[in-house]
Amino acid sequence: MKRLLVLLAVVVLASGCGVRPSGVIPGENAPSGPPKGNVGNTATVYFVLNGRVVPVVRTGVGDVAADRVRALEQGPDEDERAAGYTTELPPSFEPIAIGVSDAAIGVDVRELSPNAVAQLVCTVIGAGGGGPSGTITLSGGGQKLPPRACGG
């Protein structure tokens, strides 16, 4: 009898909790794909292969241009080097500020080879940089290069 009273009390309390039934409530589409910032993200950086600047897809790189430039600064990984990829960027060019249409680095940009400039420009543009003009202005060492497009 005591159990029956306890059960009855639980049913009464649960039915009076104030939650009313409703129909389907519409909302946005469910998310798909990996979340932004996920270490499984893929990003494109540009290295040199047989004298030409080419895209290389990397995993575990963030979505923003600065993350991609930091990956570029690390150079080709062991597998990429074994496949013949190189870089013409100096060992530590210290990215300072990466914007939408400009990138400042810690070396004199006049001392960079055309391939090194293309590596930086294409990597930043590949991350959504370039603004309306589709170009990046590189600066560093007190110098500034004219705006450059990827492949141009």
N, C-alpha and C. Protein backbone atom coordinates (compact mmCIF):
# COMPACT_ATOMS: atom_id res chain seq x y z
N MET A 1 0.82 -1.18 0.00
CA MET A 1 0.00 0.00 0.00
C MET A 1 0.87 1.26 0.00
N LYS A 2 1.98 1.19 0.77
CA LYS A 2 2.88 2.33 0.85
C LYS A 2 3.51 2.59 -0.53
N ARG A 3 3.88 1.52 -1.24
CA ARG A 3 4.46 1.67 -2.59
C ARG A 3 3.46 2.27 -3.55
N LEU A 4 2.24 1.89 -3.44
CA LEU A 4 1.20 2.42 -4.31
C LEU A 4 1.02 3.91 -4.08
N LEU A 5 1.09 4.35 -2.85
CA LEU A 5 0.96 5.77 -2.54
C LEU A 5 2.15 6.56 -3.08
N VAL A 6 3.34 5.99 -2.94
CA VAL A 6 4.54 6.65 -3.46
C VAL A 6 4.46 6.75 -4.98
N LEU A 7 4.04 5.68 -5.64
CA LEU A 7 3.90 5.68 -7.09
C LEU A 7 2.87 6.71 -7.51
N LEU A 8 1.75 6.77 -6.82
CA LEU A 8 0.70 7.74 -7.13
C LEU A 8 1.23 9.17 -6.95
N ALA A 9 2.01 9.41 -5.91
CA ALA A 9 2.57 10.74 -5.67
C ALA A 9 3.52 11.15 -6.79
N VAL A 10 4.35 10.20 -7.26
CA VAL A 10 5.28 10.47 -8.37
C VAL A 10 4.51 10.80 -9.64
N VAL A 11 3.46 10.06 -9.94
CA VAL A 11 2.66 10.30 -11.14
C VAL A 11 2.01 11.68 -11.07
N VAL A 12 1.48 12.04 -9.92
CA VAL A 12 0.83 13.35 -9.77
C VAL A 12 1.86 14.46 -9.94
N LEU A 13 3.01 14.33 -9.31
CA LEU A 13 4.05 15.35 -9.43
C LEU A 13 4.55 15.48 -10.87
N ALA A 14 4.76 14.36 -11.54
CA ALA A 14 5.26 14.38 -12.91
C ALA A 14 4.24 14.99 -13.86
N SER A 15 3.00 14.75 -13.64
CA SER A 15 1.98 15.28 -14.54
C SER A 15 1.76 16.77 -14.33
N GLY A 16 2.19 17.29 -13.23
CA GLY A 16 1.98 18.71 -12.96
C GLY A 16 3.24 19.52 -13.07
N CYS A 17 4.22 19.08 -13.84
CA CYS A 17 5.50 19.78 -13.90
C CYS A 17 5.45 21.03 -14.76
N GLY A 18 4.38 21.27 -15.47
CA GLY A 18 4.26 22.48 -16.25
C GLY A 18 4.69 22.36 -17.70
N VAL A 19 5.20 21.23 -18.13
CA VAL A 19 5.61 21.06 -19.52
C VAL A 19 4.40 20.61 -20.31
N ARG A 20 4.06 21.37 -21.30
CA ARG A 20 2.91 21.06 -22.12
C ARG A 20 3.37 20.45 -23.43
N PRO A 21 2.61 19.53 -23.96
CA PRO A 21 2.98 18.95 -25.25
C PRO A 21 2.85 20.01 -26.35
N SER A 22 3.69 19.88 -27.36
CA SER A 22 3.63 20.82 -28.48
C SER A 22 3.89 20.06 -29.77
N GLY A 23 3.65 20.75 -30.86
CA GLY A 23 3.95 20.17 -32.17
C GLY A 23 5.43 20.32 -32.47
N VAL A 24 5.79 20.01 -33.70
CA VAL A 24 7.18 20.12 -34.13
C VAL A 24 7.55 21.59 -34.19
N ILE A 25 8.70 21.94 -33.63
CA ILE A 25 9.19 23.31 -33.65
C ILE A 25 10.27 23.39 -34.72
N PRO A 26 10.04 24.18 -35.78
CA PRO A 26 11.03 24.25 -36.86
C PRO A 26 12.30 24.97 -36.41
N GLY A 27 13.41 24.61 -37.01
CA GLY A 27 14.69 25.24 -36.69
C GLY A 27 15.59 25.22 -37.91
N GLU A 28 16.84 25.55 -37.69
CA GLU A 28 17.83 25.54 -38.76
C GLU A 28 18.22 24.10 -39.11
N ASN A 29 18.89 23.95 -40.26
CA ASN A 29 19.40 22.64 -40.64
C ASN A 29 20.45 22.17 -39.64
N ALA A 30 20.53 20.88 -39.45
CA ALA A 30 21.53 20.31 -38.56
C ALA A 30 22.92 20.55 -39.13
N PRO A 31 23.92 20.77 -38.27
CA PRO A 31 25.28 20.97 -38.77
C PRO A 31 25.78 19.73 -39.50
N SER A 32 26.64 19.96 -40.47
CA SER A 32 27.26 18.84 -41.17
C SER A 32 28.74 19.11 -41.31
N GLY A 33 29.51 18.06 -41.48
CA GLY A 33 30.95 18.18 -41.64
C GLY A 33 31.64 18.40 -40.31
N PRO A 34 32.98 18.46 -40.34
CA PRO A 34 33.71 18.66 -39.08
C PRO A 34 33.53 20.08 -38.58
N PRO A 35 33.53 20.29 -37.28
CA PRO A 35 33.40 21.65 -36.75
C PRO A 35 34.62 22.49 -37.11
N LYS A 36 34.41 23.80 -37.22
CA LYS A 36 35.53 24.69 -37.53
C LYS A 36 36.56 24.61 -36.42
N GLY A 37 37.82 24.69 -36.80
CA GLY A 37 38.88 24.62 -35.83
C GLY A 37 39.24 23.20 -35.44
N ASN A 38 38.58 22.24 -36.02
CA ASN A 38 38.84 20.84 -35.71
C ASN A 38 40.23 20.48 -36.23
N VAL A 39 40.98 19.71 -35.46
CA VAL A 39 42.32 19.32 -35.89
C VAL A 39 42.28 18.45 -37.13
N GLY A 40 41.12 17.97 -37.52
CA GLY A 40 41.00 17.15 -38.71
C GLY A 40 40.76 17.97 -39.97
N ASN A 41 40.67 19.31 -39.83
CA ASN A 41 40.45 20.16 -41.00
C ASN A 41 41.57 19.99 -42.01
N THR A 42 41.23 20.19 -43.26
CA THR A 42 42.27 20.22 -44.28
C THR A 42 42.46 21.66 -44.73
N ALA A 43 43.66 21.98 -45.09
CA ALA A 43 44.00 23.32 -45.57
C ALA A 43 45.06 23.17 -46.65
N THR A 44 45.06 24.12 -47.57
CA THR A 44 46.03 24.09 -48.65
C THR A 44 47.15 25.09 -48.37
N VAL A 45 48.37 24.60 -48.47
CA VAL A 45 49.56 25.44 -48.42
C VAL A 45 50.32 25.19 -49.72
N TYR A 46 51.26 26.05 -50.03
CA TYR A 46 51.96 25.94 -51.31
C TYR A 46 53.45 25.73 -51.11
N PHE A 47 53.96 24.66 -51.73
CA PHE A 47 55.38 24.35 -51.70
C PHE A 47 55.89 24.29 -53.14
N VAL A 48 57.18 24.03 -53.28
CA VAL A 48 57.81 23.98 -54.59
C VAL A 48 58.07 22.52 -54.95
N LEU A 49 57.69 22.15 -56.16
CA LEU A 49 57.93 20.81 -56.69
C LEU A 49 58.43 20.97 -58.12
N ASN A 50 59.62 20.47 -58.36
CA ASN A 50 60.23 20.58 -59.69
C ASN A 50 60.27 22.02 -60.19
N GLY A 51 60.61 22.95 -59.29
CA GLY A 51 60.76 24.34 -59.66
C GLY A 51 59.46 25.14 -59.78
N ARG A 52 58.32 24.50 -59.53
CA ARG A 52 57.02 25.19 -59.65
C ARG A 52 56.32 25.21 -58.30
N VAL A 53 55.58 26.27 -58.04
CA VAL A 53 54.80 26.38 -56.80
C VAL A 53 53.49 25.63 -57.01
N VAL A 54 53.25 24.67 -56.11
CA VAL A 54 52.07 23.80 -56.24
C VAL A 54 51.34 23.68 -54.90
N PRO A 55 50.02 23.43 -54.95
CA PRO A 55 49.26 23.28 -53.70
C PRO A 55 49.51 21.92 -53.06
N VAL A 56 49.52 21.92 -51.73
CA VAL A 56 49.66 20.70 -50.95
C VAL A 56 48.58 20.74 -49.87
N VAL A 57 47.78 19.69 -49.78
CA VAL A 57 46.72 19.64 -48.78
C VAL A 57 47.29 19.08 -47.49
N ARG A 58 47.07 19.81 -46.41
CA ARG A 58 47.52 19.42 -45.08
C ARG A 58 46.31 19.18 -44.19
N THR A 59 46.44 18.28 -43.23
CA THR A 59 45.40 18.11 -42.22
C THR A 59 45.88 18.70 -40.91
N GLY A 60 44.93 19.03 -40.05
CA GLY A 60 45.27 19.55 -38.73
C GLY A 60 45.71 20.99 -38.74
N VAL A 61 45.38 21.73 -39.78
CA VAL A 61 45.74 23.14 -39.87
C VAL A 61 44.46 23.96 -39.71
N GLY A 62 44.53 25.04 -38.96
CA GLY A 62 43.35 25.88 -38.73
C GLY A 62 42.84 26.53 -40.00
N ASP A 63 41.69 27.17 -39.86
CA ASP A 63 40.98 27.76 -40.99
C ASP A 63 41.53 29.11 -41.45
N VAL A 64 42.19 29.82 -40.59
CA VAL A 64 42.59 31.18 -40.93
C VAL A 64 43.96 31.22 -41.60
N ALA A 65 44.19 32.31 -42.33
CA ALA A 65 45.43 32.45 -43.09
C ALA A 65 46.67 32.35 -42.21
N ALA A 66 46.63 32.93 -41.02
CA ALA A 66 47.81 32.89 -40.13
C ALA A 66 48.18 31.45 -39.77
N ASP A 67 47.17 30.59 -39.56
CA ASP A 67 47.46 29.18 -39.27
C ASP A 67 48.14 28.52 -40.46
N ARG A 68 47.69 28.83 -41.65
CA ARG A 68 48.27 28.23 -42.85
C ARG A 68 49.68 28.74 -43.09
N VAL A 69 49.92 30.03 -42.82
CA VAL A 69 51.27 30.57 -42.99
C VAL A 69 52.22 29.93 -41.97
N ARG A 70 51.73 29.69 -40.75
CA ARG A 70 52.58 28.99 -39.76
C ARG A 70 52.91 27.57 -40.24
N ALA A 71 51.94 26.89 -40.88
CA ALA A 71 52.21 25.56 -41.44
C ALA A 71 53.23 25.67 -42.57
N LEU A 72 53.12 26.72 -43.35
CA LEU A 72 54.07 26.96 -44.44
C LEU A 72 55.46 27.21 -43.89
N GLU A 73 55.54 27.94 -42.79
CA GLU A 73 56.84 28.24 -42.17
C GLU A 73 57.55 26.97 -41.71
N GLN A 74 56.78 25.95 -41.32
CA GLN A 74 57.37 24.69 -40.87
C GLN A 74 58.00 23.91 -42.03
N GLY A 75 57.63 24.26 -43.25
CA GLY A 75 58.19 23.59 -44.42
C GLY A 75 57.53 22.25 -44.68
N PRO A 76 57.96 21.59 -45.74
CA PRO A 76 57.39 20.27 -46.07
C PRO A 76 57.68 19.26 -44.96
N ASP A 77 56.69 18.41 -44.70
CA ASP A 77 56.93 17.36 -43.69
C ASP A 77 57.75 16.24 -44.32
N GLU A 78 58.05 15.23 -43.54
CA GLU A 78 58.93 14.14 -44.00
C GLU A 78 58.41 13.47 -45.27
N ASP A 79 57.12 13.16 -45.31
CA ASP A 79 56.54 12.51 -46.49
C ASP A 79 56.59 13.43 -47.71
N GLU A 80 56.32 14.72 -47.49
CA GLU A 80 56.36 15.68 -48.60
C GLU A 80 57.78 15.84 -49.13
N ARG A 81 58.76 15.90 -48.23
CA ARG A 81 60.16 15.99 -48.68
C ARG A 81 60.55 14.74 -49.47
N ALA A 82 60.10 13.58 -49.00
CA ALA A 82 60.40 12.33 -49.71
C ALA A 82 59.78 12.33 -51.11
N ALA A 83 58.66 13.04 -51.27
CA ALA A 83 57.99 13.12 -52.57
C ALA A 83 58.58 14.22 -53.46
N GLY A 84 59.56 14.97 -52.94
CA GLY A 84 60.24 15.98 -53.74
C GLY A 84 59.83 17.42 -53.48
N TYR A 85 58.92 17.65 -52.52
CA TYR A 85 58.50 19.02 -52.22
C TYR A 85 59.59 19.73 -51.42
N THR A 86 59.79 21.01 -51.75
CA THR A 86 60.75 21.85 -51.04
C THR A 86 60.08 23.19 -50.76
N THR A 87 60.84 24.09 -50.16
CA THR A 87 60.38 25.46 -49.95
C THR A 87 61.53 26.39 -50.29
N GLU A 88 61.19 27.56 -50.77
CA GLU A 88 62.20 28.57 -51.02
C GLU A 88 62.12 29.69 -49.99
N LEU A 89 61.30 29.48 -48.97
CA LEU A 89 61.22 30.46 -47.89
C LEU A 89 62.38 30.27 -46.94
N PRO A 90 62.84 31.34 -46.30
CA PRO A 90 63.92 31.18 -45.33
C PRO A 90 63.47 30.30 -44.16
N PRO A 91 64.41 29.68 -43.45
CA PRO A 91 64.05 28.75 -42.37
C PRO A 91 63.08 29.35 -41.35
N SER A 92 63.21 30.62 -41.04
CA SER A 92 62.27 31.26 -40.12
C SER A 92 62.00 32.66 -40.63
N PHE A 93 60.87 32.82 -41.30
CA PHE A 93 60.54 34.13 -41.84
C PHE A 93 59.58 34.87 -40.91
N GLU A 94 59.24 34.28 -39.77
CA GLU A 94 58.45 34.91 -38.72
C GLU A 94 57.26 35.71 -39.23
N PRO A 95 56.13 35.04 -39.50
CA PRO A 95 54.94 35.80 -39.88
C PRO A 95 54.55 36.74 -38.74
N ILE A 96 54.36 38.00 -39.07
CA ILE A 96 54.07 39.00 -38.04
C ILE A 96 52.58 39.34 -38.02
N ALA A 97 52.03 39.66 -39.17
CA ALA A 97 50.61 40.02 -39.25
C ALA A 97 50.08 39.59 -40.61
N ILE A 98 49.00 38.83 -40.58
CA ILE A 98 48.39 38.37 -41.82
C ILE A 98 46.99 38.96 -41.87
N GLY A 99 46.74 39.81 -42.83
CA GLY A 99 45.42 40.43 -42.99
C GLY A 99 44.70 39.86 -44.20
N VAL A 100 43.60 40.50 -44.56
CA VAL A 100 42.82 40.05 -45.71
C VAL A 100 43.57 40.31 -47.01
N SER A 101 44.22 41.47 -47.12
CA SER A 101 44.89 41.78 -48.38
C SER A 101 46.37 42.11 -48.20
N ASP A 102 46.91 41.80 -47.02
CA ASP A 102 48.33 42.05 -46.81
C ASP A 102 48.91 41.03 -45.83
N ALA A 103 50.22 40.88 -45.91
CA ALA A 103 50.92 39.98 -45.01
C ALA A 103 52.28 40.60 -44.69
N ALA A 104 52.57 40.71 -43.41
CA ALA A 104 53.86 41.24 -42.97
C ALA A 104 54.68 40.10 -42.39
N ILE A 105 55.92 40.01 -42.82
CA ILE A 105 56.81 38.95 -42.34
C ILE A 105 58.09 39.58 -41.81
N GLY A 106 58.88 38.80 -41.08
CA GLY A 106 60.06 39.31 -40.40
C GLY A 106 61.34 39.25 -41.21
N VAL A 107 61.26 39.25 -42.53
CA VAL A 107 62.46 39.30 -43.37
C VAL A 107 62.24 40.32 -44.47
N ASP A 108 63.34 40.78 -45.07
CA ASP A 108 63.25 41.73 -46.18
C ASP A 108 62.62 41.02 -47.38
N VAL A 109 61.45 41.46 -47.78
CA VAL A 109 60.72 40.79 -48.87
C VAL A 109 61.45 40.90 -50.20
N ARG A 110 62.37 41.87 -50.35
CA ARG A 110 63.12 41.98 -51.61
C ARG A 110 64.11 40.83 -51.77
N GLU A 111 64.44 40.16 -50.66
CA GLU A 111 65.39 39.05 -50.72
C GLU A 111 64.71 37.70 -51.00
N LEU A 112 63.39 37.68 -51.07
CA LEU A 112 62.67 36.44 -51.37
C LEU A 112 62.69 36.14 -52.86
N SER A 113 62.82 34.87 -53.19
CA SER A 113 62.75 34.46 -54.59
C SER A 113 61.32 34.61 -55.09
N PRO A 114 61.11 34.64 -56.40
CA PRO A 114 59.74 34.68 -56.92
C PRO A 114 58.89 33.49 -56.42
N ASN A 115 59.50 32.31 -56.31
CA ASN A 115 58.74 31.15 -55.79
C ASN A 115 58.37 31.34 -54.32
N ALA A 116 59.26 31.92 -53.51
CA ALA A 116 58.96 32.15 -52.10
C ALA A 116 57.79 33.14 -51.97
N VAL A 117 57.80 34.18 -52.77
CA VAL A 117 56.69 35.15 -52.77
C VAL A 117 55.40 34.45 -53.16
N ALA A 118 55.47 33.63 -54.21
CA ALA A 118 54.27 32.91 -54.66
C ALA A 118 53.76 31.95 -53.59
N GLN A 119 54.65 31.29 -52.86
CA GLN A 119 54.23 30.39 -51.78
C GLN A 119 53.39 31.14 -50.75
N LEU A 120 53.87 32.31 -50.34
CA LEU A 120 53.14 33.10 -49.35
C LEU A 120 51.83 33.63 -49.91
N VAL A 121 51.88 34.24 -51.08
CA VAL A 121 50.69 34.85 -51.67
C VAL A 121 49.60 33.79 -51.90
N CYS A 122 49.96 32.68 -52.51
CA CYS A 122 48.97 31.64 -52.80
C CYS A 122 48.41 31.02 -51.53
N THR A 123 49.24 30.85 -50.50
CA THR A 123 48.75 30.28 -49.25
C THR A 123 47.75 31.22 -48.59
N VAL A 124 48.04 32.51 -48.55
CA VAL A 124 47.12 33.47 -47.93
C VAL A 124 45.83 33.58 -48.75
N ILE A 125 45.94 33.66 -50.07
CA ILE A 125 44.74 33.74 -50.91
C ILE A 125 43.92 32.46 -50.79
N GLY A 126 44.59 31.31 -50.71
CA GLY A 126 43.89 30.04 -50.56
C GLY A 126 43.10 29.95 -49.26
N ALA A 127 43.45 30.77 -48.27
CA ALA A 127 42.74 30.80 -47.00
C ALA A 127 41.62 31.83 -47.01
N GLY A 128 41.34 32.40 -48.18
CA GLY A 128 40.27 33.38 -48.28
C GLY A 128 40.76 34.81 -48.28
N GLY A 129 42.06 35.00 -48.31
CA GLY A 129 42.61 36.36 -48.35
C GLY A 129 42.55 36.92 -49.76
N GLY A 130 43.01 38.11 -49.90
CA GLY A 130 43.04 38.74 -51.22
C GLY A 130 42.00 39.82 -51.39
N GLY A 131 41.03 39.86 -50.51
CA GLY A 131 40.00 40.89 -50.58
C GLY A 131 39.36 40.97 -51.96
N PRO A 132 38.71 42.09 -52.26
CA PRO A 132 38.02 42.24 -53.54
C PRO A 132 38.95 42.17 -54.75
N SER A 133 40.21 42.58 -54.57
CA SER A 133 41.15 42.60 -55.70
C SER A 133 41.75 41.24 -55.98
N GLY A 134 41.67 40.30 -55.01
CA GLY A 134 42.27 38.98 -55.20
C GLY A 134 43.79 39.02 -55.15
N THR A 135 44.33 40.05 -54.49
CA THR A 135 45.78 40.18 -54.40
C THR A 135 46.22 40.35 -52.94
N ILE A 136 47.49 40.07 -52.72
CA ILE A 136 48.11 40.22 -51.40
C ILE A 136 49.33 41.13 -51.55
N THR A 137 49.49 42.05 -50.63
CA THR A 137 50.68 42.90 -50.58
C THR A 137 51.57 42.37 -49.46
N LEU A 138 52.79 41.95 -49.83
CA LEU A 138 53.76 41.45 -48.84
C LEU A 138 54.66 42.58 -48.40
N SER A 139 54.93 42.61 -47.09
CA SER A 139 55.88 43.58 -46.57
C SER A 139 56.76 42.90 -45.53
N GLY A 140 57.93 43.48 -45.35
CA GLY A 140 58.86 42.96 -44.37
C GLY A 140 60.23 43.57 -44.56
N GLY A 141 60.96 43.71 -43.46
CA GLY A 141 62.30 44.31 -43.54
C GLY A 141 62.25 45.76 -43.98
N GLY A 142 61.16 46.45 -43.69
CA GLY A 142 61.02 47.85 -44.09
C GLY A 142 60.69 48.03 -45.56
N GLN A 143 60.37 46.94 -46.25
CA GLN A 143 60.08 47.01 -47.68
C GLN A 143 58.67 46.48 -47.96
N LYS A 144 58.12 46.88 -49.10
CA LYS A 144 56.80 46.42 -49.50
C LYS A 144 56.83 46.07 -50.98
N LEU A 145 56.26 44.92 -51.31
CA LEU A 145 56.15 44.53 -52.71
C LEU A 145 54.80 44.99 -53.27
N PRO A 146 54.71 45.16 -54.58
CA PRO A 146 53.40 45.49 -55.16
C PRO A 146 52.42 44.35 -54.94
N PRO A 147 51.12 44.64 -54.96
CA PRO A 147 50.12 43.57 -54.78
C PRO A 147 50.33 42.44 -55.79
N ARG A 148 50.19 41.21 -55.32
CA ARG A 148 50.39 40.03 -56.17
C ARG A 148 49.19 39.12 -56.08
N ALA A 149 48.87 38.49 -57.20
CA ALA A 149 47.83 37.46 -57.24
C ALA A 149 48.52 36.11 -57.26
N CYS A 150 47.79 35.07 -56.90
CA CYS A 150 48.35 33.73 -56.96
C CYS A 150 48.50 33.37 -58.44
N GLY A 151 49.70 32.99 -58.81
CA GLY A 151 49.97 32.65 -60.22
C GLY A 151 50.30 33.86 -61.06
N GLY A 152 50.45 35.00 -60.43
CA GLY A 152 50.71 36.20 -61.23
C GLY A 152 51.80 37.05 -60.70
